[in-house]
Amino acid sequence: DNSGSVRNVQLRYSGTVLSNGDELQALTTGGVGSGTTFEN
């Protein structure tokens, strides 16, 4: 599966604890396929 392309990207000052106790991080991937490109 192909979810797109992310290259040369900065993710600064992220991460949040939400009310249900779960947390977000800078980059979260869920079930992305090999057609998706990640670089730098």
PDB file of all heavy atoms in Angstrom:
ATOM      1  N   ASP A   1       0.833  -1.200   0.000  1.00  0.00           N
ATOM      2  CA  ASP A   1       0.000   0.000   0.000  1.00  0.00           C
ATOM      3  C   ASP A   1       0.875   1.260   0.000  1.00  0.00           C
ATOM      4  O   ASP A   1       1.976   1.279   0.555  1.00  0.00           O
ATOM      5  CB  ASP A   1      -0.903  -0.023   1.234  1.00  0.00           C
ATOM      6  CG  ASP A   1      -1.967   1.056   1.199  1.00  0.00           C
ATOM      7  OD1 ASP A   1      -2.523   1.293   0.121  1.00  0.00           O
ATOM      8  OD2 ASP A   1      -2.227   1.662   2.251  1.00  0.00           O
ATOM      9  N   ASN A   2       0.345   2.324  -0.617  1.00  0.00           N
ATOM     10  CA  ASN A   2       1.101   3.573  -0.765  1.00  0.00           C
ATOM     11  C   ASN A   2       0.332   4.720  -0.112  1.00  0.00           C
ATOM     12  O   ASN A   2      -0.721   5.127  -0.606  1.00  0.00           O
ATOM     13  CB  ASN A   2       1.344   3.864  -2.244  1.00  0.00           C
ATOM     14  CG  ASN A   2       2.216   5.091  -2.475  1.00  0.00           C
ATOM     15  OD1 ASN A   2       2.522   5.845  -1.555  1.00  0.00           O
ATOM     16  ND2 ASN A   2       2.614   5.300  -3.713  1.00  0.00           N
ATOM     17  N   SER A   3       0.882   5.254   0.984  1.00  0.00           N
ATOM     18  CA  SER A   3       0.270   6.400   1.670  1.00  0.00           C
ATOM     19  C   SER A   3       0.964   7.706   1.329  1.00  0.00           C
ATOM     20  O   SER A   3       0.678   8.736   1.949  1.00  0.00           O
ATOM     21  CB  SER A   3       0.298   6.178   3.191  1.00  0.00           C
ATOM     22  OG  SER A   3      -0.454   5.042   3.544  1.00  0.00           O
ATOM     23  N   GLY A   4       1.905   7.673   0.380  1.00  0.00           N
ATOM     24  CA  GLY A   4       2.548   8.900  -0.067  1.00  0.00           C
ATOM     25  C   GLY A   4       4.038   8.915   0.164  1.00  0.00           C
ATOM     26  O   GLY A   4       4.708   7.870   0.152  1.00  0.00           O
ATOM     27  N   SER A   5       4.584  10.099   0.422  1.00  0.00           N
ATOM     28  CA  SER A   5       6.027  10.284   0.525  1.00  0.00           C
ATOM     29  C   SER A   5       6.324  11.389   1.523  1.00  0.00           C
ATOM     30  O   SER A   5       5.711  12.462   1.474  1.00  0.00           O
ATOM     31  CB  SER A   5       6.602  10.641  -0.852  1.00  0.00           C
ATOM     32  OG  SER A   5       7.989  10.870  -0.783  1.00  0.00           O
ATOM     33  N   VAL A   6       7.268  11.126   2.424  1.00  0.00           N
ATOM     34  CA  VAL A   6       7.709  12.120   3.400  1.00  0.00           C
ATOM     35  C   VAL A   6       9.231  12.163   3.344  1.00  0.00           C
ATOM     36  O   VAL A   6       9.904  11.188   3.713  1.00  0.00           O
ATOM     37  CB  VAL A   6       7.228  11.768   4.823  1.00  0.00           C
ATOM     38  CG1 VAL A   6       7.681  12.836   5.818  1.00  0.00           C
ATOM     39  CG2 VAL A   6       5.713  11.618   4.864  1.00  0.00           C
ATOM     40  N   ARG A   7       9.771  13.284   2.888  1.00  0.00           N
ATOM     41  CA  ARG A   7      11.219  13.431   2.734  1.00  0.00           C
ATOM     42  C   ARG A   7      11.665  14.783   3.291  1.00  0.00           C
ATOM     43  O   ARG A   7      10.987  15.783   3.114  1.00  0.00           O
ATOM     44  CB  ARG A   7      11.630  13.391   1.254  1.00  0.00           C
ATOM     45  CG  ARG A   7      11.492  12.057   0.539  1.00  0.00           C
ATOM     46  CD  ARG A   7      12.136  12.186  -0.836  1.00  0.00           C
ATOM     47  NE  ARG A   7      12.161  10.943  -1.577  1.00  0.00           N
ATOM     48  CZ  ARG A   7      11.301  10.632  -2.549  1.00  0.00           C
ATOM     49  NH1 ARG A   7      10.344  11.493  -2.864  1.00  0.00           N
ATOM     50  NH2 ARG A   7      11.402   9.489  -3.199  1.00  0.00           N
ATOM     51  N   ASN A   8      12.836  14.786   3.928  1.00  0.00           N
ATOM     52  CA  ASN A   8      13.448  16.032   4.407  1.00  0.00           C
ATOM     53  C   ASN A   8      12.451  16.854   5.217  1.00  0.00           C
ATOM     54  O   ASN A   8      12.067  17.973   4.848  1.00  0.00           O
ATOM     55  CB  ASN A   8      13.998  16.841   3.223  1.00  0.00           C
ATOM     56  CG  ASN A   8      15.066  16.087   2.457  1.00  0.00           C
ATOM     57  OD1 ASN A   8      16.050  15.633   3.029  1.00  0.00           O
ATOM     58  ND2 ASN A   8      14.869  15.925   1.159  1.00  0.00           N
ATOM     59  N   VAL A   9      12.025  16.260   6.318  1.00  0.00           N
ATOM     60  CA  VAL A   9      10.992  16.851   7.166  1.00  0.00           C
ATOM     61  C   VAL A   9      11.467  16.890   8.609  1.00  0.00           C
ATOM     62  O   VAL A   9      12.045  15.925   9.111  1.00  0.00           O
ATOM     63  CB  VAL A   9       9.676  16.048   7.061  1.00  0.00           C
ATOM     64  CG1 VAL A   9       8.700  16.437   8.171  1.00  0.00           C
ATOM     65  CG2 VAL A   9       9.027  16.258   5.696  1.00  0.00           C
ATOM     66  N   GLN A  10      11.229  18.028   9.284  1.00  0.00           N
ATOM     67  CA  GLN A  10      11.472  18.157  10.720  1.00  0.00           C
ATOM     68  C   GLN A  10      10.139  18.186  11.456  1.00  0.00           C
ATOM     69  O   GLN A  10       9.208  18.893  11.041  1.00  0.00           O
ATOM     70  CB  GLN A  10      12.228  19.450  11.040  1.00  0.00           C
ATOM     71  CG  GLN A  10      13.613  19.552  10.440  1.00  0.00           C
ATOM     72  CD  GLN A  10      14.239  20.912  10.689  1.00  0.00           C
ATOM     73  OE1 GLN A  10      13.838  21.641  11.602  1.00  0.00           O
ATOM     74  NE2 GLN A  10      15.233  21.275   9.874  1.00  0.00           N
ATOM     75  N   LEU A  11      10.070  17.442  12.568  1.00  0.00           N
ATOM     76  CA  LEU A  11       8.903  17.442  13.437  1.00  0.00           C
ATOM     77  C   LEU A  11       9.371  17.892  14.815  1.00  0.00           C
ATOM     78  O   LEU A  11      10.017  17.137  15.538  1.00  0.00           O
ATOM     79  CB  LEU A  11       8.291  16.043  13.502  1.00  0.00           C
ATOM     80  CG  LEU A  11       7.780  15.507  12.156  1.00  0.00           C
ATOM     81  CD1 LEU A  11       7.833  13.990  12.109  1.00  0.00           C
ATOM     82  CD2 LEU A  11       6.363  15.993  11.885  1.00  0.00           C
ATOM     83  N   ARG A  12       9.077  19.149  15.167  1.00  0.00           N
ATOM     84  CA  ARG A  12       9.622  19.757  16.386  1.00  0.00           C
ATOM     85  C   ARG A  12       8.560  19.873  17.489  1.00  0.00           C
ATOM     86  O   ARG A  12       7.402  20.171  17.206  1.00  0.00           O
ATOM     87  CB  ARG A  12      10.137  21.161  16.097  1.00  0.00           C
ATOM     88  CG  ARG A  12      11.178  21.292  15.003  1.00  0.00           C
ATOM     89  CD  ARG A  12      11.564  22.760  14.853  1.00  0.00           C
ATOM     90  NE  ARG A  12      12.541  23.029  13.800  1.00  0.00           N
ATOM     91  CZ  ARG A  12      13.007  24.235  13.515  1.00  0.00           C
ATOM     92  NH1 ARG A  12      12.569  25.294  14.201  1.00  0.00           N
ATOM     93  NH2 ARG A  12      13.888  24.412  12.552  1.00  0.00           N
ATOM     94  N   TYR A  13       8.990  19.700  18.731  1.00  0.00           N
ATOM     95  CA  TYR A  13       8.202  20.026  19.934  1.00  0.00           C
ATOM     96  C   TYR A  13       6.825  19.360  19.940  1.00  0.00           C
ATOM     97  O   TYR A  13       5.831  19.958  20.350  1.00  0.00           O
ATOM     98  CB  TYR A  13       8.048  21.548  20.060  1.00  0.00           C
ATOM     99  CG  TYR A  13       9.359  22.288  20.087  1.00  0.00           C
ATOM    100  CD1 TYR A  13       9.749  23.094  19.023  1.00  0.00           C
ATOM    101  CD2 TYR A  13      10.216  22.175  21.180  1.00  0.00           C
ATOM    102  CE1 TYR A  13      10.961  23.780  19.049  1.00  0.00           C
ATOM    103  CE2 TYR A  13      11.435  22.852  21.213  1.00  0.00           C
ATOM    104  CZ  TYR A  13      11.803  23.651  20.140  1.00  0.00           C
ATOM    105  OH  TYR A  13      13.000  24.322  20.170  1.00  0.00           O
ATOM    106  N   SER A  14       6.751  18.114  19.500  1.00  0.00           N
ATOM    107  CA  SER A  14       5.477  17.412  19.389  1.00  0.00           C
ATOM    108  C   SER A  14       5.231  16.548  20.628  1.00  0.00           C
ATOM    109  O   SER A  14       5.973  16.587  21.602  1.00  0.00           O
ATOM    110  CB  SER A  14       5.490  16.544  18.133  1.00  0.00           C
ATOM    111  OG  SER A  14       6.522  15.570  18.266  1.00  0.00           O
ATOM    112  N   GLY A  15       4.169  15.739  20.542  1.00  0.00           N
ATOM    113  CA  GLY A  15       3.844  14.792  21.602  1.00  0.00           C
ATOM    114  C   GLY A  15       2.837  15.357  22.582  1.00  0.00           C
ATOM    115  O   GLY A  15       3.099  16.357  23.244  1.00  0.00           O
ATOM    116  N   THR A  16       1.696  14.710  22.659  1.00  0.00           N
ATOM    117  CA  THR A  16       0.629  15.202  23.515  1.00  0.00           C
ATOM    118  C   THR A  16      -0.063  14.035  24.202  1.00  0.00           C
ATOM    119  O   THR A  16      -0.357  13.026  23.561  1.00  0.00           O
ATOM    120  CB  THR A  16      -0.411  15.992  22.699  1.00  0.00           C
ATOM    121  OG1 THR A  16       0.230  17.104  22.082  1.00  0.00           O
ATOM    122  CG2 THR A  16      -1.539  16.494  23.579  1.00  0.00           C
ATOM    123  N   VAL A  17      -0.349  14.163  25.492  1.00  0.00           N
ATOM    124  CA  VAL A  17      -1.152  13.191  26.219  1.00  0.00           C
ATOM    125  C   VAL A  17      -2.595  13.653  26.163  1.00  0.00           C
ATOM    126  O   VAL A  17      -2.929  14.751  26.617  1.00  0.00           O
ATOM    127  CB  VAL A  17      -0.690  13.064  27.687  1.00  0.00           C
ATOM    128  CG1 VAL A  17      -1.552  12.058  28.425  1.00  0.00           C
ATOM    129  CG2 VAL A  17       0.773  12.657  27.749  1.00  0.00           C
ATOM    130  N   LEU A  18      -3.462  12.823  25.576  1.00  0.00           N
ATOM    131  CA  LEU A  18      -4.868  13.195  25.456  1.00  0.00           C
ATOM    132  C   LEU A  18      -5.665  12.645  26.634  1.00  0.00           C
ATOM    133  O   LEU A  18      -5.157  11.912  27.472  1.00  0.00           O
ATOM    134  CB  LEU A  18      -5.422  12.685  24.124  1.00  0.00           C
ATOM    135  CG  LEU A  18      -4.710  13.256  22.883  1.00  0.00           C
ATOM    136  CD1 LEU A  18      -5.330  12.701  21.622  1.00  0.00           C
ATOM    137  CD2 LEU A  18      -4.770  14.778  22.872  1.00  0.00           C
ATOM    138  N   SER A  19      -6.935  12.987  26.672  1.00  0.00           N
ATOM    139  CA  SER A  19      -7.754  12.684  27.846  1.00  0.00           C
ATOM    140  C   SER A  19      -7.947  11.197  28.081  1.00  0.00           C
ATOM    141  O   SER A  19      -8.201  10.767  29.199  1.00  0.00           O
ATOM    142  CB  SER A  19      -9.132  13.355  27.697  1.00  0.00           C
ATOM    143  OG  SER A  19      -9.767  12.910  26.505  1.00  0.00           O
ATOM    144  N   ASN A  20      -7.840  10.389  27.032  1.00  0.00           N
ATOM    145  CA  ASN A  20      -8.027   8.951  27.216  1.00  0.00           C
ATOM    146  C   ASN A  20      -6.745   8.245  27.662  1.00  0.00           C
ATOM    147  O   ASN A  20      -6.698   7.029  27.740  1.00  0.00           O
ATOM    148  CB  ASN A  20      -8.546   8.313  25.923  1.00  0.00           C
ATOM    149  CG  ASN A  20      -7.606   8.532  24.746  1.00  0.00           C
ATOM    150  OD1 ASN A  20      -6.546   9.140  24.882  1.00  0.00           O
ATOM    151  ND2 ASN A  20      -7.986   8.044  23.588  1.00  0.00           N
ATOM    152  N   GLY A  21      -5.711   9.012  27.951  1.00  0.00           N
ATOM    153  CA  GLY A  21      -4.465   8.443  28.450  1.00  0.00           C
ATOM    154  C   GLY A  21      -3.496   8.030  27.360  1.00  0.00           C
ATOM    155  O   GLY A  21      -2.349   7.701  27.646  1.00  0.00           O
ATOM    156  N   ASP A  22      -3.949   8.015  26.088  1.00  0.00           N
ATOM    157  CA  ASP A  22      -3.050   7.711  24.987  1.00  0.00           C
ATOM    158  C   ASP A  22      -2.183   8.919  24.683  1.00  0.00           C
ATOM    159  O   ASP A  22      -2.491  10.046  25.072  1.00  0.00           O
ATOM    160  CB  ASP A  22      -3.845   7.323  23.735  1.00  0.00           C
ATOM    161  CG  ASP A  22      -4.489   5.949  23.867  1.00  0.00           C
ATOM    162  OD1 ASP A  22      -3.985   5.137  24.665  1.00  0.00           O
ATOM    163  OD2 ASP A  22      -5.506   5.703  23.188  1.00  0.00           O
ATOM    164  N   GLU A  23      -1.107   8.659  23.931  1.00  0.00           N
ATOM    165  CA  GLU A  23      -0.150   9.726  23.655  1.00  0.00           C
ATOM    166  C   GLU A  23       0.176   9.766  22.165  1.00  0.00           C
ATOM    167  O   GLU A  23       0.209   8.737  21.491  1.00  0.00           O
ATOM    168  CB  GLU A  23       1.131   9.505  24.462  1.00  0.00           C
ATOM    169  CG  GLU A  23       0.918   9.555  25.961  1.00  0.00           C
ATOM    170  CD  GLU A  23       2.140   9.119  26.760  1.00  0.00           C
ATOM    171  OE1 GLU A  23       2.856   8.207  26.299  1.00  0.00           O
ATOM    172  OE2 GLU A  23       2.360   9.690  27.843  1.00  0.00           O
ATOM    173  N   LEU A  24       0.419  10.961  21.685  1.00  0.00           N
ATOM    174  CA  LEU A  24       0.879  11.158  20.318  1.00  0.00           C
ATOM    175  C   LEU A  24       2.378  11.413  20.318  1.00  0.00           C
ATOM    176  O   LEU A  24       2.909  12.059  21.220  1.00  0.00           O
ATOM    177  CB  LEU A  24       0.179  12.354  19.683  1.00  0.00           C
ATOM    178  CG  LEU A  24      -1.260  12.143  19.202  1.00  0.00           C
ATOM    179  CD1 LEU A  24      -1.860  13.466  18.781  1.00  0.00           C
ATOM    180  CD2 LEU A  24      -1.290  11.158  18.039  1.00  0.00           C
ATOM    181  N   GLN A  25       3.060  10.899  19.316  1.00  0.00           N
ATOM    182  CA  GLN A  25       4.479  11.176  19.147  1.00  0.00           C
ATOM    183  C   GLN A  25       4.697  11.956  17.856  1.00  0.00           C
ATOM    184  O   GLN A  25       3.747  12.229  17.132  1.00  0.00           O
ATOM    185  CB  GLN A  25       5.313   9.900  19.131  1.00  0.00           C
ATOM    186  CG  GLN A  25       4.726   8.748  18.375  1.00  0.00           C
ATOM    187  CD  GLN A  25       3.720   7.957  19.186  1.00  0.00           C
ATOM    188  OE1 GLN A  25       3.918   7.724  20.370  1.00  0.00           O
ATOM    189  NE2 GLN A  25       2.652   7.531  18.564  1.00  0.00           N
ATOM    190  N   ALA A  26       5.936  12.311  17.579  1.00  0.00           N
ATOM    191  CA  ALA A  26       6.211  13.139  16.402  1.00  0.00           C
ATOM    192  C   ALA A  26       5.664  12.499  15.137  1.00  0.00           C
ATOM    193  O   ALA A  26       4.915  13.114  14.381  1.00  0.00           O
ATOM    194  CB  ALA A  26       7.716  13.367  16.283  1.00  0.00           C
ATOM    195  N   LEU A  27       6.043  11.247  14.878  1.00  0.00           N
ATOM    196  CA  LEU A  27       5.562  10.523  13.698  1.00  0.00           C
ATOM    197  C   LEU A  27       4.980   9.197  14.135  1.00  0.00           C
ATOM    198  O   LEU A  27       5.649   8.390  14.779  1.00  0.00           O
ATOM    199  CB  LEU A  27       6.701  10.286  12.704  1.00  0.00           C
ATOM    200  CG  LEU A  27       6.355   9.393  11.500  1.00  0.00           C
ATOM    201  CD1 LEU A  27       5.291  10.063  10.623  1.00  0.00           C
ATOM    202  CD2 LEU A  27       7.593   9.071  10.672  1.00  0.00           C
ATOM    203  N   THR A  28       3.720   8.963  13.768  1.00  0.00           N
ATOM    204  CA  THR A  28       3.044   7.695  14.015  1.00  0.00           C
ATOM    205  C   THR A  28       2.637   7.111  12.676  1.00  0.00           C
ATOM    206  O   THR A  28       1.979   7.792  11.876  1.00  0.00           O
ATOM    207  CB  THR A  28       1.789   7.880  14.879  1.00  0.00           C
ATOM    208  OG1 THR A  28       2.141   8.501  16.114  1.00  0.00           O
ATOM    209  CG2 THR A  28       1.121   6.546  15.167  1.00  0.00           C
ATOM    210  N   THR A  29       3.013   5.871  12.415  1.00  0.00           N
ATOM    211  CA  THR A  29       2.519   5.190  11.232  1.00  0.00           C
ATOM    212  C   THR A  29       1.675   4.000  11.676  1.00  0.00           C
ATOM    213  O   THR A  29       2.019   3.296  12.623  1.00  0.00           O
ATOM    214  CB  THR A  29       3.653   4.690  10.318  1.00  0.00           C
ATOM    215  OG1 THR A  29       4.384   3.644  10.973  1.00  0.00           O
ATOM    216  CG2 THR A  29       4.595   5.821   9.948  1.00  0.00           C
ATOM    217  N   GLY A  30       0.565   3.797  10.996  1.00  0.00           N
ATOM    218  CA  GLY A  30      -0.299   2.657  11.265  1.00  0.00           C
ATOM    219  C   GLY A  30      -0.576   1.897   9.986  1.00  0.00           C
ATOM    220  O   GLY A  30      -1.270   2.387   9.108  1.00  0.00           O
ATOM    221  N   GLY A  31       0.000   0.714   9.862  1.00  0.00           N
ATOM    222  CA  GLY A  31      -0.275  -0.128   8.715  1.00  0.00           C
ATOM    223  C   GLY A  31       0.112   0.469   7.377  1.00  0.00           C
ATOM    224  O   GLY A  31      -0.514   0.157   6.354  1.00  0.00           O
ATOM    225  N   VAL A  32       1.142   1.320   7.328  1.00  0.00           N
ATOM    226  CA  VAL A  32       1.568   1.835   6.020  1.00  0.00           C
ATOM    227  C   VAL A  32       2.248   0.708   5.242  1.00  0.00           C
ATOM    228  O   VAL A  32       2.826  -0.215   5.819  1.00  0.00           O
ATOM    229  CB  VAL A  32       2.517   3.046   6.142  1.00  0.00           C
ATOM    230  CG1 VAL A  32       1.839   4.203   6.841  1.00  0.00           C
ATOM    231  CG2 VAL A  32       3.817   2.668   6.833  1.00  0.00           C
ATOM    232  N   GLY A  33       2.166   0.778   3.908  1.00  0.00           N
ATOM    233  CA  GLY A  33       2.760  -0.256   3.075  1.00  0.00           C
ATOM    234  C   GLY A  33       4.093   0.147   2.499  1.00  0.00           C
ATOM    235  O   GLY A  33       4.541   1.295   2.633  1.00  0.00           O
ATOM    236  N   SER A  34       4.718  -0.802   1.820  1.00  0.00           N
ATOM    237  CA  SER A  34       6.060  -0.581   1.281  1.00  0.00           C
ATOM    238  C   SER A  34       6.079   0.447   0.165  1.00  0.00           C
ATOM    239  O   SER A  34       7.145   0.956  -0.195  1.00  0.00           O
ATOM    240  CB  SER A  34       6.646  -1.902   0.771  1.00  0.00           C
ATOM    241  OG  SER A  34       5.830  -2.437  -0.274  1.00  0.00           O
ATOM    242  N   GLY A  35       4.904   0.779  -0.393  1.00  0.00           N
ATOM    243  CA  GLY A  35       4.849   1.822  -1.417  1.00  0.00           C
ATOM    244  C   GLY A  35       5.025   3.218  -0.861  1.00  0.00           C
ATOM    245  O   GLY A  35       5.206   4.169  -1.621  1.00  0.00           O
ATOM    246  N   THR A  36       4.981   3.358   0.455  1.00  0.00           N
ATOM    247  CA  THR A  36       5.154   4.653   1.109  1.00  0.00           C
ATOM    248  C   THR A  36       6.640   4.954   1.256  1.00  0.00           C
ATOM    249  O   THR A  36       7.415   4.083   1.649  1.00  0.00           O
ATOM    250  CB  THR A  36       4.482   4.649   2.487  1.00  0.00           C
ATOM    251  OG1 THR A  36       3.148   4.161   2.359  1.00  0.00           O
ATOM    252  CG2 THR A  36       4.462   6.041   3.088  1.00  0.00           C
ATOM    253  N   THR A  37       7.043   6.173   0.962  1.00  0.00           N
ATOM    254  CA  THR A  37       8.451   6.560   1.003  1.00  0.00           C
ATOM    255  C   THR A  37       8.737   7.406   2.229  1.00  0.00           C
ATOM    256  O   THR A  37       8.029   8.386   2.498  1.00  0.00           O
ATOM    257  CB  THR A  37       8.826   7.363  -0.256  1.00  0.00           C
ATOM    258  OG1 THR A  37       8.603   6.542  -1.413  1.00  0.00           O
ATOM    259  CG2 THR A  37      10.288   7.799  -0.214  1.00  0.00           C
ATOM    260  N   PHE A  38       9.782   7.030   2.960  1.00  0.00           N
ATOM    261  CA  PHE A  38      10.267   7.819   4.094  1.00  0.00           C
ATOM    262  C   PHE A  38      11.764   8.027   3.930  1.00  0.00           C
ATOM    263  O   PHE A  38      12.513   7.066   3.758  1.00  0.00           O
ATOM    264  CB  PHE A  38      10.011   7.099   5.423  1.00  0.00           C
ATOM    265  CG  PHE A  38       8.558   6.912   5.761  1.00  0.00           C
ATOM    266  CD1 PHE A  38       7.963   5.662   5.633  1.00  0.00           C
ATOM    267  CD2 PHE A  38       7.791   7.964   6.220  1.00  0.00           C
ATOM    268  CE1 PHE A  38       6.626   5.475   5.947  1.00  0.00           C
ATOM    269  CE2 PHE A  38       6.455   7.790   6.542  1.00  0.00           C
ATOM    270  CZ  PHE A  38       5.862   6.541   6.401  1.00  0.00           C
ATOM    271  N   GLU A  39      12.196   9.287   4.032  1.00  0.00           N
ATOM    272  CA  GLU A  39      13.619   9.582   3.879  1.00  0.00           C
ATOM    273  C   GLU A  39      13.952  10.893   4.587  1.00  0.00           C
ATOM    274  O   GLU A  39      13.258  11.895   4.393  1.00  0.00           O
ATOM    275  CB  GLU A  39      13.979   9.691   2.396  1.00  0.00           C
ATOM    276  CG  GLU A  39      15.453   9.954   2.121  1.00  0.00           C
ATOM    277  CD  GLU A  39      15.746  10.059   0.632  1.00  0.00           C
ATOM    278  OE1 GLU A  39      14.905   9.630  -0.180  1.00  0.00           O
ATOM    279  OE2 GLU A  39      16.819  10.583   0.287  1.00  0.00           O
ATOM    280  N   ASN A  40      14.973  10.870   5.405  1.00  0.00           N
ATOM    281  CA  ASN A  40      15.470  12.070   6.091  1.00  0.00           C
ATOM    282  C   ASN A  40      14.369  12.748   6.914  1.00  0.00           C
ATOM    283  O   ASN A  40      13.834  13.799   6.552  1.00  0.00           O
ATOM    284  CB  ASN A  40      16.066  13.065   5.090  1.00  0.00           C
ATOM    285  CG  ASN A  40      17.330  12.557   4.443  1.00  0.00           C
ATOM    286  OD1 ASN A  40      17.868  11.522   4.827  1.00  0.00           O
ATOM    287  ND2 ASN A  40      17.822  13.267   3.447  1.00  0.00           N
TER     288      ASN A  40
END
